[in-house]
Amino acid sequence: MGDMTKLHPRLQLKAAQLKEACSKQGISILFSEGLRTAAQQDALYAQGRTKPGSIITNAKGSSYSSQHQWGIAVDFYLNMDIDGDGTKSDDAFNNSSGLFERVGELAKTLGLGWGGDWTSIKDRPHLYLPDWGSTTSQLKQLYGTPDQFMKSWENISAAGAEQNPSKTVQGTVITDSDPLLIRETPDGRALSSIPKGASVEVLEQGAKWHKVRYQGITGYSAAKYISLNGASQPQAGYVGECTGDQVRVRATPDASGNIIRHLNKGNLFRVLGVSGNWTHVSIEGTEGYISSDYVKRT
């Protein structure tokens, strides 16, 4: 089994929750295939191509194409004697009774993605955090390499919110019309809702999720729908989206700075900070500045 402590903190939490949920359903699972190196992933990619065996993955390690390389995926197997022969080891991947589908459905109720839903190569043991889609394209665009992505975990708790020791503040819900959901965990099951315009207590501020309390219920709500009273919105640590085409990314925060690349509408990037009318961004591992007029918080 891979070292679970090397996986994304929120994946560690959800894996533990899934194991407990499965146990309540009479299903015993264990985890394997956590974090992989590029060399390990390339070896798997070679199977069925340049090495004996059947093709089991379309993800190259050298191009950081596997979710396992980014620490957001883990595989599970059954720890049960399915066929009644007195041993468990030969039934680790025995799906004759549809247990992998049952585990996959339980995983999805906890906010995980399931490889059994894929169409090109169904990967029933595969579970992942779906925040960045079902591929690594968005992660590569935002962070460049797994190492850079993992550095961003330093201030993330297991529940998924960024740690912020600042005091509790009041916020106001600013949804367009629908109420704002309070979730048990980020992306987790809904506990309650907060109507537009209502005041909410913000216990912990995060780039994407705030830990909140409303009418005695504590949980997580999307940060972009909460305006912090008497405090500015976070100026860094969130994902931004470019709203224009051929937007210049400059080396310095001024109109005379060297142009190092261009962004088009819909391109995503990490926001590292704001300097006047310029937003400091990182995209595919390259840092630069773009006009804040073309930045939308996702």
Protein backbone atom coordinates (compact mmCIF):
# COMPACT_ATOMS: atom_id res chain seq x y z
CA MET A 1 0.00 0.00 0.00
CA GLY A 2 1.21 3.50 -0.80
CA ASP A 3 1.80 6.07 1.92
CA MET A 4 -1.59 7.78 2.35
CA THR A 5 0.02 10.69 4.18
CA LYS A 6 1.60 11.80 0.90
CA LEU A 7 -1.80 12.33 -0.72
CA HIS A 8 -3.81 15.56 -0.77
CA PRO A 9 -5.13 16.21 2.77
CA ARG A 10 -8.76 16.20 1.63
CA LEU A 11 -8.32 12.90 -0.22
CA GLN A 12 -6.94 11.37 2.97
CA LEU A 13 -10.08 12.46 4.82
CA LYS A 14 -12.49 11.25 2.15
CA ALA A 15 -10.73 7.89 1.85
CA ALA A 16 -11.15 7.34 5.59
CA GLN A 17 -14.81 8.36 5.36
CA LEU A 18 -15.36 5.97 2.47
CA LYS A 19 -13.77 3.04 4.28
CA GLU A 20 -16.10 3.66 7.22
CA ALA A 21 -19.16 4.04 4.96
CA CYS A 22 -18.31 0.79 3.18
CA SER A 23 -17.88 -1.03 6.48
CA LYS A 24 -21.40 -0.01 7.49
CA GLN A 25 -22.61 -1.63 4.26
CA GLY A 26 -20.72 -4.84 4.99
CA ILE A 27 -17.98 -4.09 2.45
CA SER A 28 -14.34 -4.22 3.52
CA ILE A 29 -11.88 -2.24 1.39
CA LEU A 30 -8.21 -1.29 1.58
CA PHE A 31 -6.24 1.26 -0.42
CA SER A 32 -3.22 0.97 -2.72
CA GLU A 33 -1.62 2.85 -5.59
CA GLY A 34 -1.47 6.30 -4.05
CA LEU A 35 1.26 8.72 -5.09
CA ARG A 36 3.33 7.64 -8.11
CA THR A 37 6.57 8.97 -9.56
CA ALA A 38 6.96 9.74 -13.26
CA ALA A 39 9.09 6.62 -13.67
CA GLN A 40 6.47 4.41 -12.04
CA GLN A 41 3.73 5.86 -14.23
CA ASP A 42 5.80 5.49 -17.41
CA ALA A 43 6.39 1.83 -16.54
CA LEU A 44 2.63 1.28 -16.32
CA TYR A 45 2.12 3.17 -19.58
CA ALA A 46 4.63 0.89 -21.32
CA GLN A 47 2.60 -2.20 -20.43
CA GLY A 48 0.83 -3.43 -23.54
CA ARG A 49 2.85 -1.07 -25.70
CA THR A 50 6.59 -1.72 -25.41
CA LYS A 51 6.31 -4.28 -22.59
CA PRO A 52 4.26 -7.49 -22.24
CA GLY A 53 0.73 -7.33 -20.93
CA SER A 54 -2.51 -5.50 -21.64
CA ILE A 55 -2.83 -1.72 -21.85
CA ILE A 56 -4.01 -0.46 -18.48
CA THR A 57 -3.53 3.31 -18.74
CA ASN A 58 -3.46 6.10 -21.30
CA ALA A 59 -1.59 8.45 -18.96
CA LYS A 60 2.12 9.07 -19.54
CA GLY A 61 4.27 9.76 -16.52
CA SER A 62 6.73 11.99 -18.36
CA SER A 63 3.92 14.43 -19.17
CA TYR A 64 2.41 14.34 -15.66
CA SER A 65 -0.79 12.90 -17.10
CA SER A 66 -1.82 10.63 -14.22
CA GLN A 67 -3.84 11.89 -11.27
CA HIS A 68 -1.73 9.59 -9.10
CA GLN A 69 1.31 11.77 -9.79
CA TRP A 70 -0.51 14.80 -8.39
CA GLY A 71 -1.57 13.12 -5.15
CA ILE A 72 -5.29 13.44 -5.87
CA ALA A 73 -6.04 9.78 -6.62
CA VAL A 74 -5.96 6.44 -4.85
CA ASP A 75 -7.04 2.92 -5.83
CA PHE A 76 -9.00 0.58 -3.61
CA TYR A 77 -9.37 -3.20 -3.52
CA LEU A 78 -11.63 -5.64 -1.71
CA ASN A 79 -10.50 -7.23 1.54
CA MET A 80 -13.11 -9.99 1.45
CA ASP A 81 -13.52 -13.66 0.61
CA ILE A 82 -15.98 -13.25 -2.26
CA ASP A 83 -15.89 -16.76 -3.70
CA GLY A 84 -15.96 -18.58 -0.35
CA ASP A 85 -12.70 -20.47 -0.81
CA GLY A 86 -11.31 -19.32 2.53
CA THR A 87 -8.88 -16.73 1.13
CA LYS A 88 -9.17 -13.03 0.43
CA SER A 89 -6.11 -12.37 -1.72
CA ASP A 90 -7.61 -13.93 -4.85
CA ASP A 91 -10.72 -11.75 -4.58
CA ALA A 92 -9.11 -8.31 -4.35
CA PHE A 93 -10.59 -7.36 -7.72
CA ASN A 94 -13.44 -9.85 -7.90
CA ASN A 95 -16.43 -7.83 -9.12
CA SER A 96 -18.76 -10.78 -9.68
CA SER A 97 -21.24 -9.36 -7.18
CA GLY A 98 -20.93 -5.72 -8.32
CA LEU A 99 -19.17 -4.50 -5.19
CA PHE A 100 -16.97 -2.09 -7.13
CA GLU A 101 -20.08 -0.31 -8.41
CA ARG A 102 -21.46 -0.09 -4.86
CA VAL A 103 -18.19 1.37 -3.56
CA GLY A 104 -18.06 3.78 -6.51
CA GLU A 105 -21.56 5.07 -5.74
CA LEU A 106 -20.69 5.52 -2.05
CA ALA A 107 -17.53 7.38 -3.06
CA LYS A 108 -19.53 9.78 -5.21
CA THR A 109 -21.88 10.61 -2.33
CA LEU A 110 -18.76 11.76 -0.44
CA GLY A 111 -17.68 14.04 -3.29
CA LEU A 112 -15.11 11.75 -4.93
CA GLY A 113 -14.83 10.95 -8.62
CA TRP A 114 -14.89 7.29 -9.72
CA GLY A 115 -12.88 5.80 -12.58
CA GLY A 116 -15.69 3.35 -13.28
CA ASP A 117 -17.58 6.22 -14.92
CA TRP A 118 -14.84 6.68 -17.53
CA THR A 119 -15.50 5.43 -21.06
CA SER A 120 -12.08 4.97 -22.70
CA ILE A 121 -10.60 2.68 -20.05
CA LYS A 122 -12.93 1.90 -17.17
CA ASP A 123 -10.85 1.98 -13.99
CA ARG A 124 -13.18 0.67 -11.29
CA PRO A 125 -10.64 0.71 -8.42
CA HIS A 126 -9.73 4.37 -9.13
CA LEU A 127 -10.96 7.22 -6.90
CA TYR A 128 -10.00 10.88 -7.19
CA LEU A 129 -10.73 14.45 -6.13
CA PRO A 130 -12.82 15.90 -9.00
CA ASP A 131 -12.05 19.57 -8.28
CA TRP A 132 -9.75 19.79 -11.33
CA GLY A 133 -11.81 17.60 -13.67
CA SER A 134 -11.22 14.00 -14.70
CA THR A 135 -7.81 14.67 -16.28
CA THR A 136 -4.68 16.55 -15.20
CA SER A 137 -4.96 19.27 -17.88
CA GLN A 138 -6.19 21.95 -15.50
CA LEU A 139 -3.58 21.07 -12.87
CA LYS A 140 -0.80 21.35 -15.46
CA GLN A 141 -2.17 24.68 -16.62
CA LEU A 142 -2.38 26.07 -13.09
CA TYR A 143 0.74 24.59 -11.46
CA GLY A 144 3.04 23.22 -14.15
CA THR A 145 4.38 20.31 -12.11
CA PRO A 146 3.15 18.10 -9.24
CA ASP A 147 5.85 19.53 -6.96
CA GLN A 148 4.48 23.05 -7.39
CA PHE A 149 0.95 21.80 -6.75
CA MET A 150 1.98 19.99 -3.57
CA LYS A 151 3.60 23.15 -2.21
CA SER A 152 0.13 24.71 -2.25
CA TRP A 153 -1.07 22.11 0.29
CA GLU A 154 0.96 23.58 3.13
CA ASN A 155 -1.94 25.68 4.44
CA ILE A 156 -4.74 23.23 3.68
CA SER A 157 -6.46 21.30 6.43
CA ALA A 158 -7.84 17.80 5.94
CA ALA A 159 -11.29 19.35 5.56
CA GLY A 160 -10.02 21.23 2.54
CA ALA A 161 -10.09 24.84 3.69
CA GLU A 162 -7.01 27.01 3.87
CA GLN A 163 -5.97 27.73 7.40
CA ASN A 164 -6.32 31.35 8.47
CA PRO A 165 -5.76 32.29 12.12
CA SER A 166 -7.63 35.60 11.72
CA LYS A 167 -10.56 36.30 14.05
CA THR A 168 -14.13 35.40 13.21
CA VAL A 169 -15.83 37.91 10.91
CA GLN A 170 -19.36 38.45 9.67
CA GLY A 171 -20.25 37.95 6.05
CA THR A 172 -23.22 38.56 3.80
CA VAL A 173 -24.54 36.06 1.25
CA ILE A 174 -24.39 37.55 -2.26
CA THR A 175 -25.82 34.82 -4.48
CA ASP A 176 -27.77 35.93 -7.56
CA SER A 177 -31.05 34.39 -6.42
CA ASP A 178 -30.73 30.86 -5.03
CA PRO A 179 -29.80 30.26 -1.39
CA LEU A 180 -26.20 29.35 -0.54
CA LEU A 181 -25.64 25.77 0.61
CA ILE A 182 -23.79 24.87 3.80
CA ARG A 183 -21.95 21.59 3.26
CA GLU A 184 -20.58 19.07 5.72
CA THR A 185 -17.20 19.23 3.97
CA PRO A 186 -16.09 21.19 0.89
CA ASP A 187 -18.06 19.63 -2.02
CA GLY A 188 -19.73 17.34 0.53
CA ARG A 189 -23.37 16.71 1.36
CA ALA A 190 -25.62 19.71 2.00
CA LEU A 191 -26.57 20.38 5.61
CA SER A 192 -28.68 23.50 5.19
CA SER A 193 -28.94 26.70 3.14
CA ILE A 194 -28.56 30.42 3.70
CA PRO A 195 -30.86 32.87 1.88
CA LYS A 196 -29.49 35.71 -0.24
CA GLY A 197 -28.68 38.78 1.86
CA ALA A 198 -28.48 36.87 5.14
CA SER A 199 -25.65 37.48 7.59
CA VAL A 200 -23.37 34.54 8.32
CA GLU A 201 -20.50 34.00 10.78
CA VAL A 202 -17.24 33.20 8.97
CA LEU A 203 -15.10 31.05 11.26
CA GLU A 204 -12.27 30.25 8.84
CA GLN A 205 -11.42 31.94 5.55
CA GLY A 206 -10.25 29.99 2.53
CA ALA A 207 -9.51 30.70 -1.11
CA LYS A 208 -12.39 28.54 -2.35
CA TRP A 209 -14.37 27.62 0.77
CA HIS A 210 -15.16 29.43 4.02
CA LYS A 211 -16.01 27.59 7.21
CA VAL A 212 -19.22 29.23 8.39
CA ARG A 213 -21.87 29.09 11.09
CA TYR A 214 -25.51 29.97 10.45
CA GLN A 215 -28.41 29.45 12.86
CA GLY A 216 -26.35 26.99 14.88
CA ILE A 217 -25.20 24.92 11.88
CA THR A 218 -21.48 24.81 11.10
CA GLY A 219 -20.13 23.76 7.71
CA TYR A 220 -18.52 24.98 4.49
CA SER A 221 -19.86 27.41 1.89
CA ALA A 222 -18.41 28.69 -1.39
CA ALA A 223 -16.25 31.73 -0.64
CA LYS A 224 -17.17 33.59 -3.83
CA TYR A 225 -20.77 33.97 -2.62
CA ILE A 226 -19.87 35.54 0.72
CA SER A 227 -18.91 39.20 1.07
CA LEU A 228 -16.82 39.70 4.20
CA ASN A 229 -18.08 42.64 6.25
CA GLY A 230 -15.31 45.04 7.21
CA ALA A 231 -12.67 42.90 5.53
CA SER A 232 -11.38 42.61 2.01
CA GLN A 233 -11.83 39.45 -0.02
CA PRO A 234 -8.72 37.24 -0.17
CA GLN A 235 -6.22 38.78 -2.55
CA ALA A 236 -4.31 35.59 -3.27
CA GLY A 237 -4.48 31.83 -3.28
CA TYR A 238 -7.49 31.35 -5.53
CA VAL A 239 -8.00 30.35 -9.15
CA GLY A 240 -8.69 33.13 -11.63
CA GLU A 241 -10.07 33.05 -15.15
CA CYS A 242 -9.09 35.30 -18.04
CA THR A 243 -12.06 37.22 -19.50
CA GLY A 244 -10.44 38.52 -22.71
CA ASP A 245 -8.46 37.31 -25.71
CA GLN A 246 -4.79 37.96 -26.37
CA VAL A 247 -4.37 39.47 -22.90
CA ARG A 248 -0.71 40.33 -22.32
CA VAL A 249 1.14 38.73 -19.42
CA ARG A 250 4.00 41.03 -18.46
CA ALA A 251 7.16 40.42 -16.47
CA THR A 252 6.50 43.45 -14.24
CA PRO A 253 3.28 45.18 -13.09
CA ASP A 254 3.34 48.06 -15.57
CA ALA A 255 2.35 48.69 -19.17
CA SER A 256 5.99 48.88 -20.28
CA GLY A 257 6.93 45.50 -18.81
CA ASN A 258 8.19 42.81 -21.16
CA ILE A 259 5.43 40.63 -22.61
CA ILE A 260 6.17 37.01 -21.71
CA ARG A 261 3.01 35.36 -23.06
CA HIS A 262 -0.66 35.90 -23.89
CA LEU A 263 -3.83 34.52 -22.34
CA ASN A 264 -7.20 33.97 -23.96
CA LYS A 265 -10.73 33.94 -22.64
CA GLY A 266 -11.30 30.97 -20.34
CA ASN A 267 -7.63 30.35 -19.50
CA LEU A 268 -7.16 29.57 -15.82
CA PHE A 269 -4.34 30.64 -13.52
CA ARG A 270 -3.40 30.94 -9.86
CA VAL A 271 -3.67 34.39 -8.35
CA LEU A 272 -0.58 35.13 -6.25
CA GLY A 273 -1.45 38.70 -5.33
CA VAL A 274 -2.67 42.10 -6.48
CA SER A 275 -0.50 45.15 -7.06
CA GLY A 276 -2.53 48.24 -7.90
CA ASN A 277 -4.38 47.54 -11.15
CA TRP A 278 -2.25 44.47 -11.84
CA THR A 279 -2.82 40.87 -10.78
CA HIS A 280 0.18 38.66 -10.09
CA VAL A 281 -0.53 35.25 -11.64
CA SER A 282 1.08 31.86 -12.13
CA ILE A 283 0.23 29.70 -15.13
CA GLU A 284 1.99 26.48 -16.06
CA GLY A 285 4.74 27.36 -13.59
CA THR A 286 5.41 30.81 -15.12
CA GLU A 287 4.74 33.96 -13.10
CA GLY A 288 3.74 37.32 -14.51
CA TYR A 289 1.26 40.19 -14.29
CA ILE A 290 -1.96 40.91 -16.15
CA SER A 291 -4.41 43.78 -15.97
CA SER A 292 -6.96 43.15 -13.23
CA ASP A 293 -9.66 44.23 -15.71
CA TYR A 294 -9.35 40.79 -17.30
CA VAL A 295 -9.46 38.69 -14.14
CA LYS A 296 -12.54 36.88 -12.88
CA ARG A 297 -12.52 34.77 -9.77
CA THR A 298 -13.79 31.22 -10.45
